[in-house]
Protein backbone atom coordinates (compact mmCIF):
# COMPACT_ATOMS: atom_id res chain seq x y z
CA MET A 1 -11.15 24.36 -30.29
CA SER A 2 -11.05 21.71 -33.65
CA ILE A 3 -14.11 19.45 -34.01
CA ASP A 4 -11.32 16.53 -34.51
CA HIS A 5 -11.33 16.43 -30.71
CA PRO A 6 -13.74 14.24 -29.01
CA PRO A 7 -17.17 15.41 -28.51
CA LEU A 8 -18.48 17.25 -25.42
CA ALA A 9 -21.59 15.41 -23.82
CA ILE A 10 -24.83 16.79 -22.35
CA THR A 11 -26.45 14.21 -20.02
CA MET A 12 -29.99 14.93 -20.04
CA GLY A 13 -30.55 15.11 -16.09
CA CYS A 14 -34.16 13.63 -15.08
CA PRO A 15 -35.92 12.77 -18.24
CA VAL A 16 -39.10 14.32 -16.64
CA GLY A 17 -37.75 17.52 -15.64
CA ILE A 18 -36.60 20.41 -17.95
CA GLY A 19 -33.60 18.82 -18.91
CA PRO A 20 -35.01 17.63 -22.45
CA GLU A 21 -36.74 20.90 -23.38
CA ILE A 22 -33.78 22.88 -22.65
CA ILE A 23 -31.33 20.49 -24.51
CA SER A 24 -33.95 20.60 -27.47
CA LYS A 25 -34.08 24.47 -27.43
CA PHE A 26 -30.40 24.51 -27.12
CA PHE A 27 -29.90 22.77 -30.21
CA HIS A 28 -32.57 24.11 -32.28
CA ASP A 29 -31.67 27.99 -31.37
CA THR A 30 -27.78 27.48 -31.22
CA VAL A 31 -26.24 24.27 -32.45
CA LEU A 32 -28.31 23.52 -35.75
CA THR A 33 -28.05 27.55 -36.61
CA GLY A 34 -24.46 27.68 -36.54
CA LYS A 35 -24.23 29.74 -33.41
CA TYR A 36 -22.44 27.32 -31.55
CA SER A 37 -19.54 25.53 -33.75
CA LEU A 38 -16.62 25.36 -31.17
CA MET A 39 -17.12 21.52 -30.26
CA PRO A 40 -19.11 18.70 -31.48
CA ILE A 41 -21.95 17.89 -29.03
CA VAL A 42 -23.59 14.69 -27.96
CA VAL A 43 -26.56 13.83 -25.42
CA ILE A 44 -26.65 10.99 -23.19
CA GLY A 45 -30.14 10.21 -22.30
CA ASN A 46 -33.58 9.20 -23.98
CA ALA A 47 -33.89 9.83 -27.57
CA ALA A 48 -37.75 9.23 -27.61
CA VAL A 49 -38.04 11.73 -24.96
CA LEU A 50 -36.26 14.26 -27.12
CA ILE A 51 -38.25 13.90 -30.28
CA ARG A 52 -41.45 13.91 -28.12
CA THR A 53 -40.25 17.28 -26.67
CA ALA A 54 -39.44 18.73 -29.58
CA GLY A 55 -42.77 17.76 -31.22
CA GLU A 56 -44.59 19.38 -28.27
CA LEU A 57 -42.44 22.60 -28.80
CA GLY A 58 -43.31 22.60 -32.54
CA ILE A 59 -39.48 22.38 -33.77
CA THR A 60 -37.82 20.18 -35.81
CA LEU A 61 -34.95 17.95 -34.55
CA ASN A 62 -33.18 15.13 -36.28
CA VAL A 63 -32.44 13.10 -33.71
CA GLN A 64 -29.61 10.38 -34.58
CA PRO A 65 -28.15 7.42 -32.31
CA TRP A 66 -24.89 7.62 -31.65
CA HIS A 67 -21.93 5.48 -30.23
CA PRO A 68 -18.48 6.19 -28.89
CA GLY A 69 -16.38 6.61 -31.85
CA ASP A 70 -19.01 8.01 -34.24
CA PRO A 71 -18.69 11.17 -36.29
CA VAL A 72 -21.23 14.08 -35.12
CA LYS A 73 -22.86 15.45 -38.12
CA PRO A 74 -23.35 19.18 -37.58
CA ASP A 75 -27.07 18.70 -38.90
CA VAL A 76 -28.34 16.36 -36.29
CA VAL A 77 -28.62 15.76 -32.63
CA SER A 78 -26.63 12.63 -31.75
CA VAL A 79 -27.96 10.65 -28.71
CA PHE A 80 -26.47 7.97 -26.92
CA ASP A 81 -29.64 6.22 -26.13
CA ILE A 82 -29.20 3.90 -23.17
CA ASP A 83 -33.04 4.46 -21.83
CA ASP A 84 -35.59 2.23 -23.56
CA HIS A 85 -38.29 3.07 -20.71
CA PRO A 86 -41.97 3.19 -22.42
CA LEU A 87 -42.81 6.94 -23.02
CA ASP A 88 -46.24 6.14 -21.76
CA ASP A 89 -44.78 5.75 -18.14
CA LEU A 90 -43.23 9.05 -18.34
CA SER A 91 -44.96 12.20 -17.18
CA TRP A 92 -44.03 15.62 -16.95
CA GLY A 93 -42.99 16.57 -13.61
CA LYS A 94 -43.84 13.25 -12.17
CA PRO A 95 -40.19 11.55 -11.42
CA THR A 96 -40.27 7.99 -10.41
CA LEU A 97 -37.77 5.18 -9.59
CA ALA A 98 -37.18 4.45 -12.84
CA THR A 99 -36.70 8.11 -13.96
CA ALA A 100 -33.97 8.24 -11.12
CA ALA A 101 -32.38 5.16 -12.36
CA ALA A 102 -32.08 6.90 -15.60
CA MET A 103 -30.50 10.22 -14.49
CA ILE A 104 -27.97 8.34 -12.70
CA ARG A 105 -27.00 5.93 -15.63
CA TYR A 106 -26.50 8.98 -17.82
CA ILE A 107 -23.84 10.36 -15.22
CA GLU A 108 -22.04 6.94 -14.73
CA ASP A 109 -22.12 6.60 -18.80
CA GLY A 110 -20.59 9.83 -19.19
CA VAL A 111 -17.80 9.60 -16.89
CA ARG A 112 -16.92 6.01 -18.41
CA PHE A 113 -16.62 7.50 -21.73
CA ILE A 114 -14.36 10.25 -20.87
CA SER A 115 -12.20 8.23 -19.17
CA ARG A 116 -11.82 6.09 -22.42
CA GLY A 117 -11.35 9.08 -24.32
CA ALA A 118 -14.43 9.06 -26.38
CA LEU A 119 -15.58 12.26 -24.79
CA ALA A 120 -13.51 15.55 -23.84
CA GLY A 121 -16.08 16.62 -20.91
CA MET A 122 -19.71 16.60 -19.95
CA VAL A 123 -22.18 19.31 -19.06
CA THR A 124 -24.86 18.05 -16.74
CA CYS A 125 -28.76 18.91 -16.92
CA PRO A 126 -30.35 19.04 -13.43
CA ILE A 127 -31.26 15.93 -11.38
CA SER A 128 -33.45 15.70 -8.43
CA LYS A 129 -31.62 14.95 -5.30
CA ILE A 130 -34.93 13.61 -3.42
CA SER A 131 -35.04 11.41 -6.38
CA LEU A 132 -31.40 10.18 -5.92
CA GLN A 133 -32.21 9.47 -2.20
CA ARG A 134 -35.32 7.32 -2.88
CA ALA A 135 -33.12 5.12 -5.85
CA GLY A 136 -31.04 4.28 -2.87
CA SER A 137 -28.04 6.39 -3.90
CA PRO A 138 -25.58 7.57 -1.40
CA PHE A 139 -24.80 10.95 -2.95
CA PRO A 140 -26.93 14.14 -2.32
CA GLY A 141 -26.07 15.56 -5.60
CA HIS A 142 -24.01 15.61 -8.97
CA THR A 143 -20.71 16.63 -7.18
CA GLU A 144 -20.46 14.03 -4.64
CA MET A 145 -21.35 11.38 -7.19
CA LEU A 146 -18.73 12.74 -9.88
CA ALA A 147 -15.98 12.80 -7.27
CA SER A 148 -16.82 9.00 -6.12
CA LEU A 149 -16.84 7.85 -9.92
CA THR A 150 -13.66 9.52 -10.41
CA GLY A 151 -12.01 8.60 -7.24
CA SER A 152 -11.29 12.43 -6.42
CA SER A 153 -11.19 12.76 -2.76
CA ARG A 154 -10.48 16.77 -3.17
CA TYR A 155 -13.35 18.47 -4.65
CA ARG A 156 -15.15 22.03 -4.69
CA MET A 157 -18.17 23.70 -6.30
CA MET A 158 -17.51 26.96 -8.36
CA MET A 159 -20.40 28.99 -9.30
CA ALA A 160 -19.12 30.90 -12.48
CA GLY A 161 -20.48 33.83 -14.62
CA SER A 162 -18.93 36.72 -16.67
CA HIS A 163 -19.02 39.22 -13.50
CA LEU A 164 -18.46 36.87 -10.69
CA LYS A 165 -16.76 33.43 -9.56
CA VAL A 166 -17.43 31.90 -6.23
CA VAL A 167 -16.24 28.91 -4.67
CA LEU A 168 -17.81 27.13 -1.74
CA ALA A 169 -15.50 26.24 1.40
CA THR A 170 -18.62 24.12 2.37
CA ILE A 171 -21.31 23.04 0.10
CA HIS A 172 -24.62 21.47 1.36
CA GLU A 173 -24.46 21.53 4.83
CA PRO A 174 -27.03 22.81 7.41
CA LEU A 175 -26.41 26.44 8.46
CA ALA A 176 -25.84 25.49 12.21
CA ARG A 177 -22.94 23.19 11.26
CA ILE A 178 -20.99 25.86 9.26
CA PRO A 179 -18.56 27.07 12.10
CA SER A 180 -17.73 23.52 13.50
CA LEU A 181 -16.99 22.61 9.55
CA LEU A 182 -14.49 25.47 9.18
CA ASN A 183 -10.78 24.87 9.85
CA ILE A 184 -7.35 26.29 8.82
CA ALA A 185 -6.69 23.16 6.61
CA GLU A 186 -9.90 23.11 4.39
CA ILE A 187 -10.10 26.70 4.02
CA GLN A 188 -6.41 26.64 2.58
CA ASP A 189 -7.35 23.58 0.42
CA CYS A 190 -9.97 25.53 -1.17
CA ILE A 191 -7.91 28.55 -1.76
CA ALA A 192 -5.10 26.09 -3.49
CA MET A 193 -8.21 24.49 -5.84
CA THR A 194 -9.71 27.96 -6.72
CA VAL A 195 -6.30 29.23 -7.71
CA ASP A 196 -5.35 26.03 -9.58
CA SER A 197 -8.95 26.14 -11.48
CA LEU A 198 -8.26 29.90 -12.46
CA GLN A 199 -5.03 29.08 -13.77
CA GLN A 200 -5.71 26.10 -15.61
CA ASP A 201 -9.38 26.19 -16.40
CA PHE A 202 -9.79 29.86 -17.21
CA GLY A 203 -6.23 31.22 -18.11
CA CYS A 204 -5.71 33.33 -15.24
CA GLN A 205 -2.00 33.80 -14.61
CA ASN A 206 -2.16 35.58 -11.24
CA PRO A 207 -5.50 35.11 -9.72
CA ARG A 208 -6.75 37.43 -7.05
CA VAL A 209 -8.72 35.58 -4.74
CA ALA A 210 -10.67 37.34 -2.32
CA ILE A 211 -11.69 35.41 1.28
CA ALA A 212 -15.06 36.17 2.87
CA GLY A 213 -15.34 36.55 6.56
CA LEU A 214 -18.31 34.37 8.08
CA ASN A 215 -19.91 36.58 10.52
CA PRO A 216 -21.05 40.30 9.84
CA HIS A 217 -18.37 42.97 9.72
CA CYS A 218 -16.05 39.61 9.88
CA GLY A 219 -16.74 39.24 13.63
CA GLU A 220 -15.78 43.14 14.48
CA ASN A 221 -12.95 41.88 16.80
CA GLY A 222 -14.86 39.02 18.25
CA MET A 223 -18.10 40.74 19.00
CA PHE A 224 -19.81 38.98 16.51
CA GLY A 225 -17.97 35.55 16.11
CA SER A 226 -14.39 34.35 16.17
CA GLU A 227 -14.07 32.19 13.11
CA GLU A 228 -12.27 35.30 11.57
CA GLU A 229 -9.53 35.15 14.05
CA THR A 230 -9.38 31.05 14.62
CA CYS A 231 -9.27 29.90 11.47
CA ILE A 232 -9.87 32.20 8.32
CA THR A 233 -7.06 34.61 8.96
CA PRO A 234 -4.72 32.10 10.07
CA ALA A 235 -5.61 30.22 6.87
CA ILE A 236 -4.83 33.11 4.40
CA ALA A 237 -1.54 33.91 6.53
CA GLY A 238 -0.34 30.62 6.28
CA TYR A 239 -1.35 29.93 2.70
CA GLY A 240 1.94 30.47 0.93
CA GLY A 241 0.88 29.46 -2.57
CA PRO A 242 0.61 31.26 -6.00
CA GLY A 243 -2.17 33.99 -6.63
CA GLU A 244 -3.01 36.99 -4.91
CA ILE A 245 -4.93 36.11 -1.64
CA SER A 246 -6.47 38.80 0.49
CA GLY A 247 -9.07 39.07 3.34
CA PRO A 248 -11.07 38.19 5.27
CA TRP A 249 -13.24 40.82 3.87
CA PRO A 250 -16.94 41.62 4.93
CA PRO A 251 -19.51 39.19 3.27
CA ASP A 252 -21.70 42.15 2.83
CA THR A 253 -19.18 44.28 0.51
CA VAL A 254 -16.73 41.69 -1.08
CA PHE A 255 -19.05 40.31 -3.70
CA TYR A 256 -19.67 43.95 -4.91
CA ARG A 257 -15.97 44.43 -5.07
CA ALA A 258 -15.48 41.38 -7.04
CA ALA A 259 -18.27 41.74 -9.38
CA GLY A 260 -16.49 45.15 -10.49
CA GLY A 261 -13.15 43.57 -11.22
CA ASP A 262 -11.58 43.75 -8.09
CA TYR A 263 -11.02 39.90 -7.74
CA ASP A 264 -11.08 36.95 -10.29
CA ALA A 265 -12.71 35.03 -7.52
CA VAL A 266 -14.46 34.68 -4.11
CA VAL A 267 -13.63 31.79 -1.55
CA ALA A 268 -17.37 32.04 0.26
CA MET A 269 -17.64 30.10 3.51
CA TYR A 270 -21.01 28.43 3.12
CA HIS A 271 -23.74 27.80 0.33
CA ASP A 272 -26.00 30.75 0.65
CA GLN A 273 -23.52 33.12 1.27
CA GLY A 274 -21.96 32.81 -2.07
CA LEU A 275 -25.04 31.82 -4.00
CA ILE A 276 -27.19 34.49 -3.03
CA PRO A 277 -24.97 37.43 -4.52
CA PHE A 278 -24.00 35.00 -7.49
CA LYS A 279 -27.76 34.22 -8.51
CA LEU A 280 -28.66 37.85 -8.30
CA LEU A 281 -26.13 38.77 -11.04
CA HIS A 282 -26.33 35.40 -12.93
CA PHE A 283 -29.75 33.47 -12.19
CA LYS A 284 -30.08 32.83 -16.29
CA ASP A 285 -26.66 32.10 -17.18
CA GLY A 286 -24.52 30.84 -14.22
CA VAL A 287 -22.67 27.90 -14.63
CA ASN A 288 -21.45 25.26 -11.86
CA VAL A 289 -18.11 24.02 -12.65
CA THR A 290 -16.78 21.25 -10.31
CA LEU A 291 -13.26 21.53 -9.36
CA GLY A 292 -10.85 18.79 -8.38
CA LEU A 293 -11.95 16.22 -11.00
CA PRO A 294 -9.68 14.65 -13.59
CA ILE A 295 -12.46 15.38 -16.14
CA VAL A 296 -14.28 18.41 -17.24
CA ARG A 297 -17.51 18.92 -15.81
CA THR A 298 -19.68 21.89 -16.05
CA SER A 299 -23.72 21.99 -15.35
CA VAL A 300 -26.45 24.35 -15.55
CA ASP A 301 -26.91 26.53 -12.51
CA HIS A 302 -30.83 25.61 -11.65
CA GLY A 303 -32.99 22.63 -10.53
CA THR A 304 -35.39 20.01 -12.50
CA ALA A 305 -38.34 22.70 -12.25
CA TYR A 306 -40.68 19.77 -12.21
CA ASP A 307 -43.51 22.65 -11.49
CA ILE A 308 -43.05 23.95 -15.36
CA ALA A 309 -41.59 20.87 -17.03
CA GLY A 310 -43.33 20.02 -20.48
CA ARG A 311 -44.87 23.75 -20.36
CA GLY A 312 -42.48 25.06 -22.89
CA LEU A 313 -41.08 27.84 -20.59
CA ALA A 314 -37.96 26.59 -19.48
CA ASP A 315 -34.90 28.83 -20.47
CA PRO A 316 -31.75 27.27 -22.13
CA ALA A 317 -29.52 30.14 -21.29
CA SER A 318 -27.82 28.55 -18.58
CA LEU A 319 -27.22 25.24 -20.57
CA GLU A 320 -25.55 27.24 -23.46
CA ALA A 321 -23.50 29.20 -20.96
CA ALA A 322 -22.25 25.86 -19.59
CA VAL A 323 -21.36 24.28 -22.92
CA HIS A 324 -19.39 27.43 -23.69
CA MET A 325 -17.90 27.27 -20.42
CA ALA A 326 -17.03 23.71 -20.71
CA THR A 327 -15.43 24.18 -24.34
CA ASP A 328 -13.28 26.77 -22.91
CA ILE A 329 -11.91 24.82 -19.99
CA CYS A 330 -11.37 21.73 -22.61
CA SER A 331 -9.43 24.40 -24.34
CA HIS A 332 -7.24 25.62 -21.93
CA ARG A 333 -6.41 22.26 -20.39
CA ALA A 334 -5.48 21.00 -24.01
CA GLU A 335 -3.03 24.32 -24.19
CA GLY A 336 -1.72 23.58 -20.71
CA ASN A 337 -0.77 19.79 -21.69
CA GLN A 338 0.98 20.62 -24.75
């Protein structure tokens, strides 16, 4: 994609988590060396934290302020600095109400600038769900917050990697509640959003989507559960939209087949059903993509890692993958709008 397009934003996430470290490493190892040149990138976060982080890592970053409309120079780290919290009050791995407010503000400003056309999309570094709650936020995480900020009533979480893509029919829910949350309409909606994303965001003309069952052996004709018969199979049969939709398939084999190339994506019934096989394959380079938003948003597939924050141990691979995927999605959407 041409660098004449608006830049892509990286939000810092929690400023005392590993977000500043993976951003610093990504710019030093990838952007500033010319290994990444697809779109200009800006950071929404705390410039002083990035400078301190680079110093602690022993690397050199030319951090400069950025404001919407400014050009992005290839040899600097352009930062929209909205957080002037004193560095002396910020300790690695120790979130506060102030750091929670900052990470929320980064996200809000990212959405605001995208809606104005000043940014092309956003890649989010990890935030703390507990900190969100302590700050009084009604949202359990990024996905729900972004849906609210963009007025999106329909949204889904896709975990995407080079070998496997998984979309969740239910997201952050207790396991005991899953059967009561599954119904024909929700599953069909998830299928439709998966197909739409594969076509628009990933350039897949006729997506092959496998639907996982909920129970062992897909219920074994009702011996181990009835959800396959009551809602999953009827949802597939009544879908009627584009794509090649098949299933329900036994959960213990469908991810292996998808990773081998039989399917373009798998719809999983609950969080761990989909994320365990996904992270087995893509623990370091997995990407979280939010479906259903009017904006492009990808995210790293890991948390704030407070236990290693400030120790120089964080791996920027997931951030690099999320940036590359965001640029690809921006490109596909731009081509689709021509």
